[in-house]
């Protein structure tokens, strides 16, 4: 089946899916906190359906690209 200009979430954001992010958020949050101790609870607040906003916020706070933030989130501890 062809997708005419509408990429799936997996194609737009390779790696972790929204479902995987939600299911593993506590572990991801702990890992990010250990690696970046200046992150606050507010920085790491996960709201279902607003994953893209979380990524953009972390990009700003950590001075990273979207790809770098996603890589940090996807790396095993």
PDB file of N, CA and C in Angstrom:
ATOM      1  N   UNK A   1       0.843  -1.181   0.000  1.00  0.00           N
ATOM      2  CA  UNK A   1       0.000   0.000   0.000  1.00  0.00           C
ATOM      3  C   UNK A   1       0.885   1.240   0.000  1.00  0.00           C
ATOM      4  N   UNK A   2       0.551   2.159  -0.835  1.00  0.00           N
ATOM      5  CA  UNK A   2       1.331   3.386  -0.943  1.00  0.00           C
ATOM      6  C   UNK A   2       0.796   4.456  -0.030  1.00  0.00           C
ATOM      7  N   UNK A   3       1.700   5.223   0.473  1.00  0.00           N
ATOM      8  CA  UNK A   3       1.358   6.372   1.299  1.00  0.00           C
ATOM      9  C   UNK A   3       1.700   7.609   0.476  1.00  0.00           C
ATOM     10  N   UNK A   4       0.722   8.391   0.143  1.00  0.00           N
ATOM     11  CA  UNK A   4       0.930   9.558  -0.721  1.00  0.00           C
ATOM     12  C   UNK A   4       1.201  10.802   0.111  1.00  0.00           C
ATOM     13  N   UNK A   5       2.456  10.940   0.510  1.00  0.00           N
ATOM     14  CA  UNK A   5       2.854  12.135   1.224  1.00  0.00           C
ATOM     15  C   UNK A   5       2.586  12.100   2.713  1.00  0.00           C
ATOM     16  N   UNK A   6       2.004  11.035   3.222  1.00  0.00           N
ATOM     17  CA  UNK A   6       1.725  10.962   4.649  1.00  0.00           C
ATOM     18  C   UNK A   6       2.567   9.856   5.249  1.00  0.00           C
ATOM     19  N   UNK A   7       3.646  10.251   5.909  1.00  0.00           N
ATOM     20  CA  UNK A   7       4.548   9.266   6.508  1.00  0.00           C
ATOM     21  C   UNK A   7       3.972   8.765   7.817  1.00  0.00           C
ATOM     22  N   UNK A   8       4.191   7.498   8.072  1.00  0.00           N
ATOM     23  CA  UNK A   8       3.758   6.933   9.348  1.00  0.00           C
ATOM     24  C   UNK A   8       4.639   7.503  10.448  1.00  0.00           C
ATOM     25  N   UNK A   9       4.207   7.431  11.716  1.00  0.00           N
ATOM     26  CA  UNK A   9       5.055   7.918  12.808  1.00  0.00           C
ATOM     27  C   UNK A   9       6.421   7.255  12.807  1.00  0.00           C
ATOM     28  N   UNK A  10       6.480   5.974  12.463  1.00  0.00           N
ATOM     29  CA  UNK A  10       7.758   5.252  12.430  1.00  0.00           C
ATOM     30  C   UNK A  10       8.667   5.826  11.338  1.00  0.00           C
ATOM     31  N   UNK A  11       8.095   6.240  10.196  1.00  0.00           N
ATOM     32  CA  UNK A  11       8.894   6.822   9.117  1.00  0.00           C
ATOM     33  C   UNK A  11       9.334   8.241   9.461  1.00  0.00           C
ATOM     34  N   UNK A  12       8.450   9.005  10.104  1.00  0.00           N
ATOM     35  CA  UNK A  12       8.807  10.374  10.472  1.00  0.00           C
ATOM     36  C   UNK A  12       9.857  10.395  11.563  1.00  0.00           C
ATOM     37  N   UNK A  13       9.719   9.480  12.519  1.00  0.00           N
ATOM     38  CA  UNK A  13      10.617   9.414  13.662  1.00  0.00           C
ATOM     39  C   UNK A  13      11.158   8.005  13.785  1.00  0.00           C
ATOM     40  N   UNK A  14      12.208   7.681  13.047  1.00  0.00           N
ATOM     41  CA  UNK A  14      12.748   6.322  13.110  1.00  0.00           C
ATOM     42  C   UNK A  14      13.140   5.980  14.545  1.00  0.00           C
ATOM     43  N   UNK A  15      13.113   4.708  14.856  1.00  0.00           N
ATOM     44  CA  UNK A  15      13.487   4.277  16.203  1.00  0.00           C
ATOM     45  C   UNK A  15      12.260   4.012  17.036  1.00  0.00           C
ATOM     46  N   UNK A  16      12.203   4.622  18.184  1.00  0.00           N
ATOM     47  CA  UNK A  16      11.154   4.361  19.151  1.00  0.00           C
ATOM     48  C   UNK A  16       9.798   4.919  18.706  1.00  0.00           C
ATOM     49  N   UNK A  17       8.761   4.112  18.837  1.00  0.00           N
ATOM     50  CA  UNK A  17       7.413   4.566  18.523  1.00  0.00           C
ATOM     51  C   UNK A  17       6.809   5.247  19.741  1.00  0.00           C
ATOM     52  N   UNK A  18       5.686   5.914  19.540  1.00  0.00           N
ATOM     53  CA  UNK A  18       4.983   6.576  20.634  1.00  0.00           C
ATOM     54  C   UNK A  18       4.587   5.567  21.701  1.00  0.00           C
ATOM     55  N   UNK A  19       4.128   4.403  21.275  1.00  0.00           N
ATOM     56  CA  UNK A  19       3.730   3.363  22.215  1.00  0.00           C
ATOM     57  C   UNK A  19       4.924   2.890  23.049  1.00  0.00           C
ATOM     58  N   UNK A  20       6.067   2.708  22.408  1.00  0.00           N
ATOM     59  CA  UNK A  20       7.275   2.299  23.132  1.00  0.00           C
ATOM     60  C   UNK A  20       7.720   3.389  24.102  1.00  0.00           C
ATOM     61  N   UNK A  21       7.623   4.633  23.669  1.00  0.00           N
ATOM     62  CA  UNK A  21       7.993   5.753  24.528  1.00  0.00           C
ATOM     63  C   UNK A  21       7.123   5.755  25.774  1.00  0.00           C
ATOM     64  N   UNK A  22       5.834   5.650  25.595  1.00  0.00           N
ATOM     65  CA  UNK A  22       4.898   5.669  26.723  1.00  0.00           C
ATOM     66  C   UNK A  22       5.159   4.488  27.656  1.00  0.00           C
ATOM     67  N   UNK A  23       5.349   3.298  27.098  1.00  0.00           N
ATOM     68  CA  UNK A  23       5.533   2.094  27.900  1.00  0.00           C
ATOM     69  C   UNK A  23       6.839   2.128  28.697  1.00  0.00           C
ATOM     70  N   UNK A  24       7.844   2.778  28.163  1.00  0.00           N
ATOM     71  CA  UNK A  24       9.168   2.783  28.798  1.00  0.00           C
ATOM     72  C   UNK A  24       9.539   4.130  29.418  1.00  0.00           C
ATOM     73  N   UNK A  25       8.567   5.031  29.555  1.00  0.00           N
ATOM     74  CA  UNK A  25       8.896   6.392  29.957  1.00  0.00           C
ATOM     75  C   UNK A  25       9.623   6.477  31.293  1.00  0.00           C
ATOM     76  N   UNK A  26       9.218   5.716  32.292  1.00  0.00           N
ATOM     77  CA  UNK A  26       9.887   5.810  33.598  1.00  0.00           C
ATOM     78  C   UNK A  26      11.363   5.465  33.491  1.00  0.00           C
ATOM     79  N   UNK A  27      11.688   4.421  32.736  1.00  0.00           N
ATOM     80  CA  UNK A  27      13.096   4.042  32.550  1.00  0.00           C
ATOM     81  C   UNK A  27      13.849   5.100  31.752  1.00  0.00           C
ATOM     82  N   UNK A  28      13.219   5.614  30.712  1.00  0.00           N
ATOM     83  CA  UNK A  28      13.853   6.645  29.879  1.00  0.00           C
ATOM     84  C   UNK A  28      14.118   7.893  30.719  1.00  0.00           C
ATOM     85  N   UNK A  29      13.127   8.291  31.511  1.00  0.00           N
ATOM     86  CA  UNK A  29      13.264   9.489  32.361  1.00  0.00           C
ATOM     87  C   UNK A  29      14.431   9.323  33.339  1.00  0.00           C
ATOM     88  N   UNK A  30      14.537   8.156  33.977  1.00  0.00           N
ATOM     89  CA  UNK A  30      15.632   7.907  34.921  1.00  0.00           C
ATOM     90  C   UNK A  30      16.983   7.989  34.223  1.00  0.00           C
ATOM     91  N   UNK A  31      17.048   7.387  33.033  1.00  0.00           N
ATOM     92  CA  UNK A  31      18.299   7.395  32.278  1.00  0.00           C
ATOM     93  C   UNK A  31      18.706   8.825  31.909  1.00  0.00           C
ATOM     94  N   UNK A  32      17.746   9.625  31.422  1.00  0.00           N
ATOM     95  CA  UNK A  32      18.040  11.009  31.057  1.00  0.00           C
ATOM     96  C   UNK A  32      18.456  11.824  32.273  1.00  0.00           C
ATOM     97  N   UNK A  33      17.803  11.584  33.397  1.00  0.00           N
ATOM     98  CA  UNK A  33      18.135  12.286  34.644  1.00  0.00           C
ATOM     99  C   UNK A  33      19.562  11.986  35.078  1.00  0.00           C
ATOM    100  N   UNK A  34      19.975  10.714  34.928  1.00  0.00           N
ATOM    101  CA  UNK A  34      21.338  10.340  35.314  1.00  0.00           C
ATOM    102  C   UNK A  34      22.364  10.992  34.397  1.00  0.00           C
ATOM    103  N   UNK A  35      22.071  10.998  33.116  1.00  0.00           N
ATOM    104  CA  UNK A  35      23.025  11.544  32.151  1.00  0.00           C
ATOM    105  C   UNK A  35      23.029  13.069  32.156  1.00  0.00           C
ATOM    106  N   UNK A  36      21.855  13.671  32.397  1.00  0.00           N
ATOM    107  CA  UNK A  36      21.711  15.130  32.382  1.00  0.00           C
ATOM    108  C   UNK A  36      21.081  15.574  33.702  1.00  0.00           C
ATOM    109  N   UNK A  37      21.858  15.661  34.776  1.00  0.00           N
ATOM    110  CA  UNK A  37      21.302  15.934  36.106  1.00  0.00           C
ATOM    111  C   UNK A  37      20.610  17.284  36.249  1.00  0.00           C
ATOM    112  N   UNK A  38      20.833  18.203  35.329  1.00  0.00           N
ATOM    113  CA  UNK A  38      20.173  19.508  35.407  1.00  0.00           C
ATOM    114  C   UNK A  38      18.721  19.475  34.937  1.00  0.00           C
ATOM    115  N   UNK A  39      18.299  18.375  34.326  1.00  0.00           N
ATOM    116  CA  UNK A  39      16.895  18.272  33.893  1.00  0.00           C
ATOM    117  C   UNK A  39      15.982  18.235  35.115  1.00  0.00           C
ATOM    118  N   UNK A  40      14.877  18.949  35.021  1.00  0.00           N
ATOM    119  CA  UNK A  40      13.921  19.018  36.126  1.00  0.00           C
ATOM    120  C   UNK A  40      12.741  18.089  35.861  1.00  0.00           C
ATOM    121  N   UNK A  41      11.892  17.939  36.880  1.00  0.00           N
ATOM    122  CA  UNK A  41      10.658  17.169  36.696  1.00  0.00           C
ATOM    123  C   UNK A  41       9.814  17.783  35.582  1.00  0.00           C
ATOM    124  N   UNK A  42       9.776  19.101  35.536  1.00  0.00           N
ATOM    125  CA  UNK A  42       8.998  19.790  34.495  1.00  0.00           C
ATOM    126  C   UNK A  42       9.573  19.495  33.106  1.00  0.00           C
ATOM    127  N   UNK A  43      10.896  19.444  32.990  1.00  0.00           N
ATOM    128  CA  UNK A  43      11.530  19.140  31.708  1.00  0.00           C
ATOM    129  C   UNK A  43      11.156  17.746  31.229  1.00  0.00           C
ATOM    130  N   UNK A  44      10.954  16.837  32.175  1.00  0.00           N
ATOM    131  CA  UNK A  44      10.727  15.436  31.839  1.00  0.00           C
ATOM    132  C   UNK A  44       9.268  15.024  32.021  1.00  0.00           C
ATOM    133  N   UNK A  45       8.369  15.976  32.013  1.00  0.00           N
ATOM    134  CA  UNK A  45       6.942  15.663  32.157  1.00  0.00           C
ATOM    135  C   UNK A  45       6.408  15.113  30.839  1.00  0.00           C
ATOM    136  N   UNK A  46       5.910  13.898  30.915  1.00  0.00           N
ATOM    137  CA  UNK A  46       5.359  13.221  29.732  1.00  0.00           C
ATOM    138  C   UNK A  46       3.849  13.383  29.724  1.00  0.00           C
ATOM    139  N   UNK A  47       3.313  13.877  28.620  1.00  0.00           N
ATOM    140  CA  UNK A  47       1.869  13.998  28.441  1.00  0.00           C
ATOM    141  C   UNK A  47       1.509  13.219  27.185  1.00  0.00           C
ATOM    142  N   UNK A  48       0.656  12.215  27.357  1.00  0.00           N
ATOM    143  CA  UNK A  48       0.260  11.382  26.230  1.00  0.00           C
ATOM    144  C   UNK A  48      -0.330  12.239  25.116  1.00  0.00           C
ATOM    145  N   UNK A  49       0.109  11.966  23.904  1.00  0.00           N
ATOM    146  CA  UNK A  49      -0.359  12.712  22.745  1.00  0.00           C
ATOM    147  C   UNK A  49       0.458  13.962  22.454  1.00  0.00           C
ATOM    148  N   UNK A  50       1.391  14.309  23.354  1.00  0.00           N
ATOM    149  CA  UNK A  50       2.200  15.517  23.167  1.00  0.00           C
ATOM    150  C   UNK A  50       3.696  15.175  23.147  1.00  0.00           C
ATOM    151  N   UNK A  51       3.987  14.010  22.591  1.00  0.00           N
ATOM    152  CA  UNK A  51       5.367  13.547  22.547  1.00  0.00           C
ATOM    153  C   UNK A  51       6.262  14.489  21.754  1.00  0.00           C
ATOM    154  N   UNK A  52       5.746  15.004  20.662  1.00  0.00           N
ATOM    155  CA  UNK A  52       6.550  15.911  19.822  1.00  0.00           C
ATOM    156  C   UNK A  52       6.947  17.161  20.605  1.00  0.00           C
ATOM    157  N   UNK A  53       6.035  17.671  21.433  1.00  0.00           N
ATOM    158  CA  UNK A  53       6.355  18.851  22.246  1.00  0.00           C
ATOM    159  C   UNK A  53       7.446  18.534  23.262  1.00  0.00           C
ATOM    160  N   UNK A  54       7.403  17.329  23.818  1.00  0.00           N
ATOM    161  CA  UNK A  54       8.439  16.910  24.761  1.00  0.00           C
ATOM    162  C   UNK A  54       9.796  16.886  24.070  1.00  0.00           C
ATOM    163  N   UNK A  55       9.846  16.320  22.876  1.00  0.00           N
ATOM    164  CA  UNK A  55      11.105  16.241  22.122  1.00  0.00           C
ATOM    165  C   UNK A  55      11.630  17.643  21.834  1.00  0.00           C
ATOM    166  N   UNK A  56      10.764  18.547  21.383  1.00  0.00           N
ATOM    167  CA  UNK A  56      11.182  19.920  21.073  1.00  0.00           C
ATOM    168  C   UNK A  56      11.698  20.611  22.336  1.00  0.00           C
ATOM    169  N   UNK A  57      11.000  20.407  23.456  1.00  0.00           N
ATOM    170  CA  UNK A  57      11.443  21.024  24.716  1.00  0.00           C
ATOM    171  C   UNK A  57      12.831  20.508  25.102  1.00  0.00           C
ATOM    172  N   UNK A  58      13.029  19.190  25.021  1.00  0.00           N
ATOM    173  CA  UNK A  58      14.333  18.624  25.365  1.00  0.00           C
ATOM    174  C   UNK A  58      15.422  19.111  24.406  1.00  0.00           C
ATOM    175  N   UNK A  59      15.071  19.307  23.142  1.00  0.00           N
ATOM    176  CA  UNK A  59      16.035  19.861  22.183  1.00  0.00           C
ATOM    177  C   UNK A  59      16.535  21.207  22.672  1.00  0.00           C
ATOM    178  N   UNK A  60      15.601  22.061  23.092  1.00  0.00           N
ATOM    179  CA  UNK A  60      15.972  23.407  23.555  1.00  0.00           C
ATOM    180  C   UNK A  60      16.805  23.355  24.825  1.00  0.00           C
ATOM    181  N   UNK A  61      16.348  22.563  25.794  1.00  0.00           N
ATOM    182  CA  UNK A  61      17.019  22.501  27.088  1.00  0.00           C
ATOM    183  C   UNK A  61      18.418  21.893  26.969  1.00  0.00           C
ATOM    184  N   UNK A  62      18.554  20.861  26.154  1.00  0.00           N
ATOM    185  CA  UNK A  62      19.830  20.161  26.036  1.00  0.00           C
ATOM    186  C   UNK A  62      20.708  20.675  24.899  1.00  0.00           C
ATOM    187  N   UNK A  63      20.190  21.618  24.110  1.00  0.00           N
ATOM    188  CA  UNK A  63      20.923  22.156  22.949  1.00  0.00           C
ATOM    189  C   UNK A  63      21.351  21.026  22.013  1.00  0.00           C
ATOM    190  N   UNK A  64      20.368  20.193  21.644  1.00  0.00           N
ATOM    191  CA  UNK A  64      20.613  19.053  20.760  1.00  0.00           C
ATOM    192  C   UNK A  64      19.631  19.098  19.606  1.00  0.00           C
ATOM    193  N   UNK A  65      19.954  18.346  18.578  1.00  0.00           N
ATOM    194  CA  UNK A  65      19.010  18.191  17.477  1.00  0.00           C
ATOM    195  C   UNK A  65      17.960  17.151  17.876  1.00  0.00           C
ATOM    196  N   UNK A  66      16.889  17.078  17.100  1.00  0.00           N
ATOM    197  CA  UNK A  66      15.860  16.074  17.354  1.00  0.00           C
ATOM    198  C   UNK A  66      16.451  14.674  17.304  1.00  0.00           C
ATOM    199  N   UNK A  67      17.310  14.436  16.335  1.00  0.00           N
ATOM    200  CA  UNK A  67      17.916  13.121  16.191  1.00  0.00           C
ATOM    201  C   UNK A  67      18.770  12.763  17.409  1.00  0.00           C
ATOM    202  N   UNK A  68      19.502  13.740  17.915  1.00  0.00           N
ATOM    203  CA  UNK A  68      20.343  13.490  19.089  1.00  0.00           C
ATOM    204  C   UNK A  68      19.497  13.177  20.317  1.00  0.00           C
ATOM    205  N   UNK A  69      18.407  13.916  20.505  1.00  0.00           N
ATOM    206  CA  UNK A  69      17.517  13.664  21.644  1.00  0.00           C
ATOM    207  C   UNK A  69      16.927  12.272  21.531  1.00  0.00           C
ATOM    208  N   UNK A  70      16.424  11.924  20.365  1.00  0.00           N
ATOM    209  CA  UNK A  70      15.836  10.590  20.174  1.00  0.00           C
ATOM    210  C   UNK A  70      16.868   9.492  20.400  1.00  0.00           C
ATOM    211  N   UNK A  71      18.089   9.704  19.943  1.00  0.00           N
ATOM    212  CA  UNK A  71      19.152   8.722  20.150  1.00  0.00           C
ATOM    213  C   UNK A  71      19.408   8.513  21.641  1.00  0.00           C
ATOM    214  N   UNK A  72      19.451   9.610  22.396  1.00  0.00           N
ATOM    215  CA  UNK A  72      19.649   9.522  23.849  1.00  0.00           C
ATOM    216  C   UNK A  72      18.517   8.733  24.495  1.00  0.00           C
ATOM    217  N   UNK A  73      17.303   8.954  24.029  1.00  0.00           N
ATOM    218  CA  UNK A  73      16.148   8.277  24.602  1.00  0.00           C
ATOM    219  C   UNK A  73      16.140   6.790  24.257  1.00  0.00           C
ATOM    220  N   UNK A  74      16.653   6.442  23.096  1.00  0.00           N
ATOM    221  CA  UNK A  74      16.591   5.070  22.609  1.00  0.00           C
ATOM    222  C   UNK A  74      17.755   4.205  23.075  1.00  0.00           C
ATOM    223  N   UNK A  75      18.857   4.830  23.477  1.00  0.00           N
ATOM    224  CA  UNK A  75      20.026   4.058  23.893  1.00  0.00           C
ATOM    225  C   UNK A  75      19.728   3.289  25.177  1.00  0.00           C
ATOM    226  N   UNK A  76      20.180   2.033  25.226  1.00  0.00           N
ATOM    227  CA  UNK A  76      20.024   1.292  26.483  1.00  0.00           C
ATOM    228  C   UNK A  76      20.878   1.914  27.581  1.00  0.00           C
ATOM    229  N   UNK A  77      20.494   1.671  28.808  1.00  0.00           N
ATOM    230  CA  UNK A  77      21.217   2.257  29.935  1.00  0.00           C
ATOM    231  C   UNK A  77      22.601   1.726  30.066  1.00  0.00           C
TER     232      UNK A  77
END
